[in-house]
Amino acid sequence: MNWAQARAEIDRGETGDKIAKEDPAVAPLGTDAEAGGAATAGEDIARSARRQRPGAAPRAMAQAPHAAGRRFVPWLAASLAIALAATVAALLLAA
C-alpha cells in the first residue's frame, strides 16, 4: 500500500471518521517523509490504514485523548474562577 491508496480509503469514507468526499490537501499524506528522503514502508502504511478503520478498538483509542482532556476542564474552570475572584478582591481592597 502507498500513501495515495491510504488517502483514497479515507476519501471513500472507509476509515469511519468522515463521509465519503474528496478532501483537497495542501500537503498530501507522506509528503514530508518523501521530501526528507525517507519513504514510508508499505507495510507501515497498511498498518496505519488498518488502525484507522472503524471498530471498537480504534474508536476507543481515538476517544481516549478526548476523555482524558475532559478531566481538566473542571480544574481549569475552578482555577480561572479563583484567579478572577482574587483579582477582583485585590482591586476592591486597593480602591
Protein backbone atom coordinates (compact mmCIF):
# COMPACT_ATOMS: atom_id res chain seq x y z
CA MET A 1 0.00 0.00 0.00
CA ASN A 2 1.16 3.54 -0.65
CA TRP A 3 0.00 6.92 0.67
CA ALA A 4 -2.23 7.57 -2.35
CA GLN A 5 -4.11 4.35 -1.64
CA ALA A 6 -4.44 5.21 2.06
CA ARG A 7 -5.77 8.64 1.17
CA ALA A 8 -8.24 7.10 -1.29
CA GLU A 9 -9.60 4.91 1.55
CA ILE A 10 -10.04 7.98 3.73
CA ASP A 11 -11.77 9.92 0.94
CA ARG A 12 -14.13 6.98 0.28
CA GLY A 13 -15.17 7.09 3.94
CA GLU A 14 -13.79 3.63 4.69
CA THR A 15 -12.00 4.79 7.83
CA GLY A 16 -15.23 5.85 9.50
CA ASP A 17 -14.03 9.29 10.51
CA LYS A 18 -15.66 11.23 7.68
CA ILE A 19 -18.24 11.00 4.95
CA ALA A 20 -17.24 9.77 1.51
CA LYS A 21 -16.00 13.01 -0.05
CA GLU A 22 -12.67 14.05 -1.50
CA ASP A 23 -10.70 16.47 0.63
CA PRO A 24 -8.19 18.70 -1.10
CA ALA A 25 -4.83 18.66 0.63
CA VAL A 26 -2.07 21.24 0.57
CA ALA A 27 0.44 18.56 1.57
CA PRO A 28 -0.81 15.05 0.78
CA LEU A 29 -0.09 12.16 3.12
CA GLY A 30 3.53 11.08 3.03
CA THR A 31 4.82 14.31 1.52
CA ASP A 32 7.10 15.17 4.44
CA ALA A 33 8.68 11.73 4.56
CA GLU A 34 9.29 11.67 0.83
CA ALA A 35 10.73 15.18 0.82
CA GLY A 36 13.11 14.15 3.58
CA GLY A 37 14.26 11.18 1.53
CA ALA A 38 12.79 8.60 3.90
CA ALA A 39 9.83 6.95 2.20
CA THR A 40 7.47 5.08 4.50
CA ALA A 41 7.45 1.31 4.09
CA GLY A 42 4.30 -0.11 2.50
CA GLU A 43 3.60 -2.39 5.46
CA ASP A 44 3.76 0.61 7.82
CA ILE A 45 1.25 2.49 5.68
CA ALA A 46 -1.03 -0.56 5.57
CA ARG A 47 -0.82 -0.99 9.36
CA SER A 48 -1.68 2.68 9.85
CA ALA A 49 -4.63 2.38 7.47
CA ARG A 50 -5.92 -0.72 9.31
CA ARG A 51 -5.84 1.16 12.60
CA GLN A 52 -8.00 3.88 11.10
CA ARG A 53 -10.81 1.50 10.09
CA PRO A 54 -14.00 1.64 12.14
CA GLY A 55 -14.28 -0.74 15.04
CA ALA A 56 -14.43 -0.77 18.81
CA ALA A 57 -10.69 -0.67 19.49
CA PRO A 58 -9.77 2.12 17.03
CA ARG A 59 -12.78 4.15 18.10
CA ALA A 60 -11.82 3.75 21.78
CA MET A 61 -8.23 4.76 21.01
CA ALA A 62 -9.48 7.80 19.10
CA GLN A 63 -11.72 8.85 22.00
CA ALA A 64 -9.11 8.31 24.74
CA PRO A 65 -7.36 11.69 24.35
CA HIS A 66 -10.72 13.48 24.39
CA ALA A 67 -11.89 11.65 27.51
CA ALA A 68 -8.63 12.46 29.27
CA GLY A 69 -8.92 16.12 28.29
CA ARG A 70 -12.39 16.38 29.82
CA ARG A 71 -10.98 15.75 33.29
CA PHE A 72 -9.03 19.00 33.14
CA VAL A 73 -11.98 21.23 32.23
CA PRO A 74 -13.45 21.46 35.77
CA TRP A 75 -10.00 22.16 37.21
CA LEU A 76 -9.37 24.82 34.61
CA ALA A 77 -12.74 26.46 35.27
CA ALA A 78 -12.19 26.38 39.02
CA SER A 79 -8.69 27.80 38.67
CA LEU A 80 -9.91 30.62 36.47
CA ALA A 81 -12.75 31.42 38.86
CA ILE A 82 -10.35 31.59 41.82
CA ALA A 83 -7.93 33.77 39.87
CA LEU A 84 -10.75 36.11 38.85
CA ALA A 85 -12.06 36.34 42.42
CA ALA A 86 -8.57 37.09 43.73
CA THR A 87 -8.07 39.80 41.11
CA VAL A 88 -11.43 41.44 41.89
CA ALA A 89 -10.72 41.28 45.64
CA ALA A 90 -7.28 42.84 45.16
CA LEU A 91 -8.76 45.64 43.05
CA LEU A 92 -11.51 46.34 45.58
CA LEU A 93 -9.07 46.43 48.51
CA ALA A 94 -6.73 48.74 46.61
CA ALA A 95 -9.51 51.21 45.91
